[in-house]
Amino acid sequence: MKLRATIWGENVHETTNQNVSDIYPEGMHSQIAKMVGAEGDIETRTATLQQKEHGLTDEVLKNTDVLLWWGHAAHGDVKDEIVERVMRRVWQGMGLIVLHSGHFSKIFKRLMGTPCALKWREAGERERIWVVNPSHPIAKGLPQYFELENEEMYGEPFSVPEPMETVFISWYQGGEVFRSGLTYKRGAGKIFYFQPGHETYPTYYDENIGIVLRNSVRWAFNENATFADPGDAPNVPTGEAPEKIEERGLKLHKDGEAGLR
């Protein structure tokens, strides 16, 4: 069975900025989808901000194993109810790959619980991406480091929680460094943040970037059964306790009654 990846893109700069549309004439989301599906074991579909429910309906998310998210200019235009929907699917076990300026997306900030802020500079600098965790599945098939001739500088401090693992650290010509590949887990869902991908550079045509994207989708895939409702908090009646007990003291709720939230 193929892994099912949905690539979500804002699709704003591609339609409003000639430089971006020249590089990505079919949209960044389409090019990312091509790279993710290049080896045939990952089935891809795309969704964009402009579609109904941003293309992320319950049915689409139900049939998505891993969601890739690229956004920049219109984070605030993403509806809160869609963010909640995506977050619940991550809790249930859907993987999430957050790309480049998606660090400021509503979904990433919500899952991290921090500002997710950083230093930045748009100067087309060379970025050297060091593989600091070469045994990690996301780093499979990569050299000790690889370079992008032009990228936007992201610099520390990066106000995210301490990650489970740091896979990549980047160095830029201006001297800054950045933790450019970080993993997290929220509920049953695996999350990977990957820094490269500024829209005015052809980052998503680079062979090594393609390897990272495919590896990260395979890593984030959860082959185990997902939680039906991770937000469920059932009131277990006394008679259904694993061991026999007698009730003592006073109660606020009847057996089976919903709790306070």
C-alpha atoms as a PDB file:
ATOM      1  CA  MET A   1       0.000   0.000   0.000  1.00  0.00           C
ATOM      2  CA  LYS A   2       1.341   3.412  -0.957  1.00  0.00           C
ATOM      3  CA  LEU A   3       1.718   6.128   1.648  1.00  0.00           C
ATOM      4  CA  ARG A   4      -0.773   8.922   1.087  1.00  0.00           C
ATOM      5  CA  ALA A   5       0.715  12.425   1.283  1.00  0.00           C
ATOM      6  CA  THR A   6      -1.186  15.687   0.909  1.00  0.00           C
ATOM      7  CA  ILE A   7       0.878  18.752   0.036  1.00  0.00           C
ATOM      8  CA  TRP A   8      -0.758  21.952   1.253  1.00  0.00           C
ATOM      9  CA  GLY A   9       0.396  25.225  -0.263  1.00  0.00           C
ATOM     10  CA  GLU A  10      -0.676  28.795   0.219  1.00  0.00           C
ATOM     11  CA  ASN A  11      -0.502  29.445  -3.545  1.00  0.00           C
ATOM     12  CA  VAL A  12      -0.330  33.197  -3.021  1.00  0.00           C
ATOM     13  CA  HIS A  13       3.139  34.288  -4.170  1.00  0.00           C
ATOM     14  CA  GLU A  14       2.921  32.001  -7.204  1.00  0.00           C
ATOM     15  CA  THR A  15      -0.083  33.994  -8.422  1.00  0.00           C
ATOM     16  CA  THR A  16       1.017  37.499  -7.389  1.00  0.00           C
ATOM     17  CA  ASN A  17       4.818  37.590  -7.842  1.00  0.00           C
ATOM     18  CA  GLN A  18       6.370  37.106 -11.278  1.00  0.00           C
ATOM     19  CA  ASN A  19       9.702  35.931  -9.891  1.00  0.00           C
ATOM     20  CA  VAL A  20       8.027  33.142  -7.960  1.00  0.00           C
ATOM     21  CA  SER A  21       5.724  32.121 -10.798  1.00  0.00           C
ATOM     22  CA  ASP A  22       8.715  31.936 -13.157  1.00  0.00           C
ATOM     23  CA  ILE A  23      10.393  29.429 -10.838  1.00  0.00           C
ATOM     24  CA  TYR A  24       7.221  27.520  -9.952  1.00  0.00           C
ATOM     25  CA  PRO A  25       4.811  27.960 -12.891  1.00  0.00           C
ATOM     26  CA  GLU A  26       2.519  25.197 -11.596  1.00  0.00           C
ATOM     27  CA  GLY A  27       2.760  26.340  -7.977  1.00  0.00           C
ATOM     28  CA  MET A  28       5.188  25.360  -5.264  1.00  0.00           C
ATOM     29  CA  HIS A  29       2.764  22.738  -3.974  1.00  0.00           C
ATOM     30  CA  SER A  30       2.809  20.970  -7.349  1.00  0.00           C
ATOM     31  CA  GLN A  31       6.604  20.875  -7.503  1.00  0.00           C
ATOM     32  CA  ILE A  32       6.851  19.615  -3.922  1.00  0.00           C
ATOM     33  CA  ALA A  33       4.319  16.921  -4.802  1.00  0.00           C
ATOM     34  CA  LYS A  34       6.432  15.859  -7.784  1.00  0.00           C
ATOM     35  CA  MET A  35       9.503  15.486  -5.577  1.00  0.00           C
ATOM     36  CA  VAL A  36       7.636  13.615  -2.843  1.00  0.00           C
ATOM     37  CA  GLY A  37       6.140  11.151  -5.321  1.00  0.00           C
ATOM     38  CA  ALA A  38       9.247  10.731  -7.472  1.00  0.00           C
ATOM     39  CA  GLU A  39      10.069   7.169  -6.367  1.00  0.00           C
ATOM     40  CA  GLY A  40       6.570   5.771  -6.715  1.00  0.00           C
ATOM     41  CA  ASP A  41       5.946   4.564  -3.174  1.00  0.00           C
ATOM     42  CA  ILE A  42       4.180   7.755  -2.060  1.00  0.00           C
ATOM     43  CA  GLU A  43       0.842   8.786  -3.532  1.00  0.00           C
ATOM     44  CA  THR A  44       0.438  12.569  -3.581  1.00  0.00           C
ATOM     45  CA  ARG A  45      -2.397  15.046  -3.791  1.00  0.00           C
ATOM     46  CA  THR A  46      -2.359  18.828  -3.367  1.00  0.00           C
ATOM     47  CA  ALA A  47      -4.537  21.339  -1.550  1.00  0.00           C
ATOM     48  CA  THR A  48      -4.413  25.123  -1.433  1.00  0.00           C
ATOM     49  CA  LEU A  49      -5.666  28.005   0.648  1.00  0.00           C
ATOM     50  CA  GLN A  50      -8.120  29.123  -2.039  1.00  0.00           C
ATOM     51  CA  GLN A  51     -10.077  25.868  -2.169  1.00  0.00           C
ATOM     52  CA  LYS A  52     -13.216  25.211  -0.161  1.00  0.00           C
ATOM     53  CA  GLU A  53     -12.194  24.420   3.432  1.00  0.00           C
ATOM     54  CA  HIS A  54      -8.648  25.146   2.167  1.00  0.00           C
ATOM     55  CA  GLY A  55      -8.756  21.751   0.466  1.00  0.00           C
ATOM     56  CA  LEU A  56      -8.517  20.050   3.852  1.00  0.00           C
ATOM     57  CA  THR A  57     -11.943  18.521   4.278  1.00  0.00           C
ATOM     58  CA  ASP A  58     -12.591  15.774   6.795  1.00  0.00           C
ATOM     59  CA  GLU A  59     -12.551  13.273   3.929  1.00  0.00           C
ATOM     60  CA  VAL A  60      -9.189  14.505   2.597  1.00  0.00           C
ATOM     61  CA  LEU A  61      -7.555  14.398   6.022  1.00  0.00           C
ATOM     62  CA  LYS A  62      -9.057  10.993   6.785  1.00  0.00           C
ATOM     63  CA  ASN A  63      -7.253   9.707   3.688  1.00  0.00           C
ATOM     64  CA  THR A  64      -3.968  11.482   4.412  1.00  0.00           C
ATOM     65  CA  ASP A  65      -1.124   9.659   6.157  1.00  0.00           C
ATOM     66  CA  VAL A  66       1.259  12.632   6.085  1.00  0.00           C
ATOM     67  CA  LEU A  67       0.470  16.317   5.490  1.00  0.00           C
ATOM     68  CA  LEU A  68       3.165  18.687   4.182  1.00  0.00           C
ATOM     69  CA  TRP A  69       2.559  22.386   4.922  1.00  0.00           C
ATOM     70  CA  TRP A  70       4.048  25.422   3.153  1.00  0.00           C
ATOM     71  CA  GLY A  71       2.790  28.902   3.981  1.00  0.00           C
ATOM     72  CA  HIS A  72       4.177  32.418   4.254  1.00  0.00           C
ATOM     73  CA  ALA A  73       2.076  35.424   3.247  1.00  0.00           C
ATOM     74  CA  ALA A  74      -1.354  34.386   4.480  1.00  0.00           C
ATOM     75  CA  HIS A  75      -0.992  32.507   7.766  1.00  0.00           C
ATOM     76  CA  GLY A  76      -3.800  34.620   9.221  1.00  0.00           C
ATOM     77  CA  ASP A  77      -6.187  33.662   6.420  1.00  0.00           C
ATOM     78  CA  VAL A  78      -6.221  30.013   7.441  1.00  0.00           C
ATOM     79  CA  LYS A  79      -9.504  29.392   9.255  1.00  0.00           C
ATOM     80  CA  ASP A  80      -9.222  28.373  12.876  1.00  0.00           C
ATOM     81  CA  GLU A  81     -11.651  25.492  12.452  1.00  0.00           C
ATOM     82  CA  ILE A  82      -9.367  23.988   9.775  1.00  0.00           C
ATOM     83  CA  VAL A  83      -6.382  24.353  12.103  1.00  0.00           C
ATOM     84  CA  GLU A  84      -8.322  22.499  14.810  1.00  0.00           C
ATOM     85  CA  ARG A  85      -9.235  19.796  12.319  1.00  0.00           C
ATOM     86  CA  VAL A  86      -5.626  19.301  11.264  1.00  0.00           C
ATOM     87  CA  MET A  87      -4.408  19.317  14.862  1.00  0.00           C
ATOM     88  CA  ARG A  88      -6.857  16.575  15.838  1.00  0.00           C
ATOM     89  CA  ARG A  89      -5.643  14.437  12.946  1.00  0.00           C
ATOM     90  CA  VAL A  90      -2.054  14.911  14.111  1.00  0.00           C
ATOM     91  CA  TRP A  91      -3.110  13.830  17.598  1.00  0.00           C
ATOM     92  CA  GLN A  92      -4.734  10.799  15.996  1.00  0.00           C
ATOM     93  CA  GLY A  93      -1.519   9.820  14.226  1.00  0.00           C
ATOM     94  CA  MET A  94      -1.272  11.746  10.943  1.00  0.00           C
ATOM     95  CA  GLY A  95       2.276  12.882  10.232  1.00  0.00           C
ATOM     96  CA  LEU A  96       3.015  16.590   9.650  1.00  0.00           C
ATOM     97  CA  ILE A  97       5.961  18.058   7.730  1.00  0.00           C
ATOM     98  CA  VAL A  98       6.262  21.838   8.210  1.00  0.00           C
ATOM     99  CA  LEU A  99       8.360  23.583   5.575  1.00  0.00           C
ATOM    100  CA  HIS A 100      10.337  26.829   5.687  1.00  0.00           C
ATOM    101  CA  SER A 101       8.146  29.812   6.660  1.00  0.00           C
ATOM    102  CA  GLY A 102       5.499  27.400   7.923  1.00  0.00           C
ATOM    103  CA  HIS A 103       7.236  27.910  11.272  1.00  0.00           C
ATOM    104  CA  PHE A 104       4.837  30.861  11.708  1.00  0.00           C
ATOM    105  CA  SER A 105       1.768  28.927  10.573  1.00  0.00           C
ATOM    106  CA  LYS A 106      -1.150  28.635  12.958  1.00  0.00           C
ATOM    107  CA  ILE A 107      -0.915  24.855  13.019  1.00  0.00           C
ATOM    108  CA  PHE A 108       2.804  24.749  13.898  1.00  0.00           C
ATOM    109  CA  LYS A 109       2.557  27.428  16.592  1.00  0.00           C
ATOM    110  CA  ARG A 110      -0.495  25.713  18.046  1.00  0.00           C
ATOM    111  CA  LEU A 111       1.242  22.348  18.223  1.00  0.00           C
ATOM    112  CA  MET A 112       4.476  23.813  19.597  1.00  0.00           C
ATOM    113  CA  GLY A 113       2.848  26.166  22.112  1.00  0.00           C
ATOM    114  CA  THR A 114       5.622  28.739  21.603  1.00  0.00           C
ATOM    115  CA  PRO A 115       6.193  31.836  19.394  1.00  0.00           C
ATOM    116  CA  CYS A 116       8.342  29.884  16.861  1.00  0.00           C
ATOM    117  CA  ALA A 117      10.250  33.109  16.075  1.00  0.00           C
ATOM    118  CA  LEU A 118      13.733  33.417  14.567  1.00  0.00           C
ATOM    119  CA  LYS A 119      16.196  35.774  12.894  1.00  0.00           C
ATOM    120  CA  TRP A 120      16.092  36.051   9.113  1.00  0.00           C
ATOM    121  CA  ARG A 121      17.691  37.772   6.127  1.00  0.00           C
ATOM    122  CA  GLU A 122      16.783  37.596   2.437  1.00  0.00           C
ATOM    123  CA  ALA A 123      20.128  37.901   0.669  1.00  0.00           C
ATOM    124  CA  GLY A 124      20.428  34.765  -1.453  1.00  0.00           C
ATOM    125  CA  GLU A 125      23.205  33.336   0.704  1.00  0.00           C
ATOM    126  CA  ARG A 126      24.774  29.930   0.294  1.00  0.00           C
ATOM    127  CA  GLU A 127      23.371  27.514   2.876  1.00  0.00           C
ATOM    128  CA  ARG A 128      25.396  24.519   3.997  1.00  0.00           C
ATOM    129  CA  ILE A 129      23.154  21.903   5.581  1.00  0.00           C
ATOM    130  CA  TRP A 130      25.068  19.615   7.915  1.00  0.00           C
ATOM    131  CA  VAL A 131      23.734  16.151   8.693  1.00  0.00           C
ATOM    132  CA  VAL A 132      24.324  15.997  12.452  1.00  0.00           C
ATOM    133  CA  ASN A 133      22.294  12.820  13.006  1.00  0.00           C
ATOM    134  CA  PRO A 134      23.428  10.570  10.128  1.00  0.00           C
ATOM    135  CA  SER A 135      21.768   7.433  11.527  1.00  0.00           C
ATOM    136  CA  HIS A 136      18.322   9.063  11.505  1.00  0.00           C
ATOM    137  CA  PRO A 137      15.883   7.727   8.848  1.00  0.00           C
ATOM    138  CA  ILE A 138      15.329  11.250   7.502  1.00  0.00           C
ATOM    139  CA  ALA A 139      19.065  11.493   6.710  1.00  0.00           C
ATOM    140  CA  LYS A 140      19.233   8.204   4.779  1.00  0.00           C
ATOM    141  CA  GLY A 141      21.134   8.535   1.506  1.00  0.00           C
ATOM    142  CA  LEU A 142      22.510  12.008   2.207  1.00  0.00           C
ATOM    143  CA  PRO A 143      26.186  13.085   2.224  1.00  0.00           C
ATOM    144  CA  GLN A 144      27.854  14.550   5.318  1.00  0.00           C
ATOM    145  CA  TYR A 145      26.561  17.930   4.183  1.00  0.00           C
ATOM    146  CA  PHE A 146      25.013  19.469   1.092  1.00  0.00           C
ATOM    147  CA  GLU A 147      24.699  23.046  -0.114  1.00  0.00           C
ATOM    148  CA  LEU A 148      22.072  25.309  -1.624  1.00  0.00           C
ATOM    149  CA  GLU A 149      23.605  28.157  -3.595  1.00  0.00           C
ATOM    150  CA  ASN A 150      20.802  30.560  -2.648  1.00  0.00           C
ATOM    151  CA  GLU A 151      18.544  30.483   0.395  1.00  0.00           C
ATOM    152  CA  GLU A 152      16.966  32.791   2.932  1.00  0.00           C
ATOM    153  CA  MET A 153      18.948  32.952   6.162  1.00  0.00           C
ATOM    154  CA  TYR A 154      17.196  31.702   9.274  1.00  0.00           C
ATOM    155  CA  GLY A 155      19.176  32.236  12.453  1.00  0.00           C
ATOM    156  CA  GLU A 156      19.091  31.292  16.109  1.00  0.00           C
ATOM    157  CA  PRO A 157      17.568  31.650  18.580  1.00  0.00           C
ATOM    158  CA  PHE A 158      14.602  29.656  17.274  1.00  0.00           C
ATOM    159  CA  SER A 159      11.865  29.863  19.922  1.00  0.00           C
ATOM    160  CA  VAL A 160      10.521  26.325  19.643  1.00  0.00           C
ATOM    161  CA  PRO A 161      10.403  23.605  22.312  1.00  0.00           C
ATOM    162  CA  GLU A 162      13.444  21.386  22.705  1.00  0.00           C
ATOM    163  CA  PRO A 163      13.038  18.826  19.900  1.00  0.00           C
ATOM    164  CA  MET A 164      13.086  15.050  20.219  1.00  0.00           C
ATOM    165  CA  GLU A 165      15.922  14.991  17.675  1.00  0.00           C
ATOM    166  CA  THR A 166      17.979  17.456  15.686  1.00  0.00           C
ATOM    167  CA  VAL A 167      18.710  16.027  12.251  1.00  0.00           C
ATOM    168  CA  PHE A 168      20.210  19.051  10.457  1.00  0.00           C
ATOM    169  CA  ILE A 169      22.070  22.226  11.390  1.00  0.00           C
ATOM    170  CA  SER A 170      22.615  24.897   8.728  1.00  0.00           C
ATOM    171  CA  TRP A 171      25.378  27.443   8.246  1.00  0.00           C
ATOM    172  CA  TYR A 172      24.991  30.544   6.076  1.00  0.00           C
ATOM    173  CA  GLN A 173      27.523  32.753   4.338  1.00  0.00           C
ATOM    174  CA  GLY A 174      26.782  35.586   6.728  1.00  0.00           C
ATOM    175  CA  GLY A 175      27.954  33.420   9.646  1.00  0.00           C
ATOM    176  CA  GLU A 176      24.667  32.486  11.324  1.00  0.00           C
ATOM    177  CA  VAL A 177      23.692  28.930  12.165  1.00  0.00           C
ATOM    178  CA  PHE A 178      20.248  27.382  12.543  1.00  0.00           C
ATOM    179  CA  ARG A 179      18.701  24.101  13.684  1.00  0.00           C
ATOM    180  CA  SER A 180      17.156  23.392  10.302  1.00  0.00           C
ATOM    181  CA  GLY A 181      15.739  19.894  10.797  1.00  0.00           C
ATOM    182  CA  LEU A 182      13.837  19.097  14.012  1.00  0.00           C
ATOM    183  CA  THR A 183      11.496  16.298  15.046  1.00  0.00           C
ATOM    184  CA  TYR A 184       8.607  16.319  17.513  1.00  0.00           C
ATOM    185  CA  LYS A 185       5.701  14.147  18.531  1.00  0.00           C
ATOM    186  CA  ARG A 186       2.268  15.386  19.529  1.00  0.00           C
ATOM    187  CA  GLY A 187      -0.261  12.755  20.520  1.00  0.00           C
ATOM    188  CA  ALA A 188       0.299   9.855  18.127  1.00  0.00           C
ATOM    189  CA  GLY A 189       1.527  12.142  15.324  1.00  0.00           C
ATOM    190  CA  LYS A 190       5.133  12.691  14.264  1.00  0.00           C
ATOM    191  CA  ILE A 191       6.183  16.209  13.210  1.00  0.00           C
ATOM    192  CA  PHE A 192       9.251  17.294  11.233  1.00  0.00           C
ATOM    193  CA  TYR A 193      10.241  20.918  10.687  1.00  0.00           C
ATOM    194  CA  PHE A 194      12.579  21.538   7.726  1.00  0.00           C
ATOM    195  CA  GLN A 195      13.922  25.040   7.050  1.00  0.00           C
ATOM    196  CA  PRO A 196      14.904  25.311   3.326  1.00  0.00           C
ATOM    197  CA  GLY A 197      12.284  26.426   0.816  1.00  0.00           C
ATOM    198  CA  HIS A 198      12.196  30.191   0.222  1.00  0.00           C
ATOM    199  CA  GLU A 199       9.900  30.922  -2.708  1.00  0.00           C
ATOM    200  CA  THR A 200      12.292  33.106  -4.753  1.00  0.00           C
ATOM    201  CA  TYR A 201      14.873  30.308  -5.040  1.00  0.00           C
ATOM    202  CA  PRO A 202      14.611  26.921  -6.820  1.00  0.00           C
ATOM    203  CA  THR A 203      15.075  24.938  -3.606  1.00  0.00           C
ATOM    204  CA  TYR A 204      12.383  22.374  -4.422  1.00  0.00           C
ATOM    205  CA  TYR A 205      14.251  21.226  -7.533  1.00  0.00           C
ATOM    206  CA  ASP A 206      17.343  20.189  -5.565  1.00  0.00           C
ATOM    207  CA  GLU A 207      17.984  16.439  -5.485  1.00  0.00           C
ATOM    208  CA  ASN A 208      19.022  16.327  -1.823  1.00  0.00           C
ATOM    209  CA  ILE A 209      15.956  18.324  -0.793  1.00  0.00           C
ATOM    210  CA  GLY A 210      13.860  15.697  -2.557  1.00  0.00           C
ATOM    211  CA  ILE A 211      15.586  12.952  -0.571  1.00  0.00           C
ATOM    212  CA  VAL A 212      14.807  14.750   2.690  1.00  0.00           C
ATOM    213  CA  LEU A 213      11.163  15.263   1.742  1.00  0.00           C
ATOM    214  CA  ARG A 214      10.622  11.613   0.809  1.00  0.00           C
ATOM    215  CA  ASN A 215      12.509  10.321   3.825  1.00  0.00           C
ATOM    216  CA  SER A 216      10.548  12.585   6.163  1.00  0.00           C
ATOM    217  CA  VAL A 217       7.206  11.392   4.779  1.00  0.00           C
ATOM    218  CA  ARG A 218       8.245   7.762   5.291  1.00  0.00           C
ATOM    219  CA  TRP A 219       9.460   8.550   8.807  1.00  0.00           C
ATOM    220  CA  ALA A 220       6.292  10.437   9.773  1.00  0.00           C
ATOM    221  CA  PHE A 221       3.955   7.698   8.543  1.00  0.00           C
ATOM    222  CA  ASN A 222       2.229   5.956  11.461  1.00  0.00           C
ATOM    223  CA  GLU A 223       1.408   2.397  10.448  1.00  0.00           C
ATOM    224  CA  ASN A 224      -0.314   1.634  13.748  1.00  0.00           C
ATOM    225  CA  ALA A 225      -4.009   2.179  14.365  1.00  0.00           C
ATOM    226  CA  THR A 226      -4.827   5.777  15.226  1.00  0.00           C
ATOM    227  CA  PHE A 227      -6.854   7.093  18.109  1.00  0.00           C
ATOM    228  CA  ALA A 228     -10.545   7.329  17.183  1.00  0.00           C
ATOM    229  CA  ASP A 229     -10.994  10.474  19.267  1.00  0.00           C
ATOM    230  CA  PRO A 230      -7.880  11.731  21.073  1.00  0.00           C
ATOM    231  CA  GLY A 231      -9.932  14.412  22.832  1.00  0.00           C
ATOM    232  CA  ASP A 232     -12.366  11.954  24.362  1.00  0.00           C
ATOM    233  CA  ALA A 233     -12.343  11.934  28.190  1.00  0.00           C
ATOM    234  CA  PRO A 234     -14.916   9.322  29.244  1.00  0.00           C
ATOM    235  CA  ASN A 235     -16.357   9.072  32.748  1.00  0.00           C
ATOM    236  CA  VAL A 236     -15.851   5.378  33.568  1.00  0.00           C
ATOM    237  CA  PRO A 237     -18.678   4.021  35.776  1.00  0.00           C
ATOM    238  CA  THR A 238     -17.675   2.361  39.031  1.00  0.00           C
ATOM    239  CA  GLY A 239     -19.076  -0.958  37.842  1.00  0.00           C
ATOM    240  CA  GLU A 240     -16.757  -0.934  34.820  1.00  0.00           C
ATOM    241  CA  ALA A 241     -13.501  -0.528  36.796  1.00  0.00           C
ATOM    242  CA  PRO A 242     -10.927  -3.269  36.008  1.00  0.00           C
ATOM    243  CA  GLU A 243     -10.953  -4.243  39.697  1.00  0.00           C
ATOM    244  CA  LYS A 244     -14.035  -4.335  41.900  1.00  0.00           C
ATOM    245  CA  ILE A 245     -14.365  -1.254  44.106  1.00  0.00           C
ATOM    246  CA  GLU A 246     -16.953   0.427  46.308  1.00  0.00           C
ATOM    247  CA  GLU A 247     -17.716   4.110  45.959  1.00  0.00           C
ATOM    248  CA  ARG A 248     -16.710   6.296  48.915  1.00  0.00           C
ATOM    249  CA  GLY A 249     -17.357   9.943  49.574  1.00  0.00           C
ATOM    250  CA  LEU A 250     -19.428  12.459  47.665  1.00  0.00           C
ATOM    251  CA  LYS A 251     -19.664  12.855  43.862  1.00  0.00           C
ATOM    252  CA  LEU A 252     -20.169  15.698  41.415  1.00  0.00           C
ATOM    253  CA  HIS A 253     -21.236  13.501  38.506  1.00  0.00           C
ATOM    254  CA  LYS A 254     -23.492  10.559  37.847  1.00  0.00           C
ATOM    255  CA  ASP A 255     -21.983   7.464  36.214  1.00  0.00           C
ATOM    256  CA  GLY A 256     -21.325   8.142  32.542  1.00  0.00           C
ATOM    257  CA  GLU A 257     -22.100  11.856  32.807  1.00  0.00           C
ATOM    258  CA  ALA A 258     -19.799  14.150  30.872  1.00  0.00           C
ATOM    259  CA  GLY A 259     -17.136  15.947  32.877  1.00  0.00           C
ATOM    260  CA  LEU A 260     -16.515  19.676  33.126  1.00  0.00           C
ATOM    261  CA  ARG A 261     -14.239  21.363  30.616  1.00  0.00           C
END
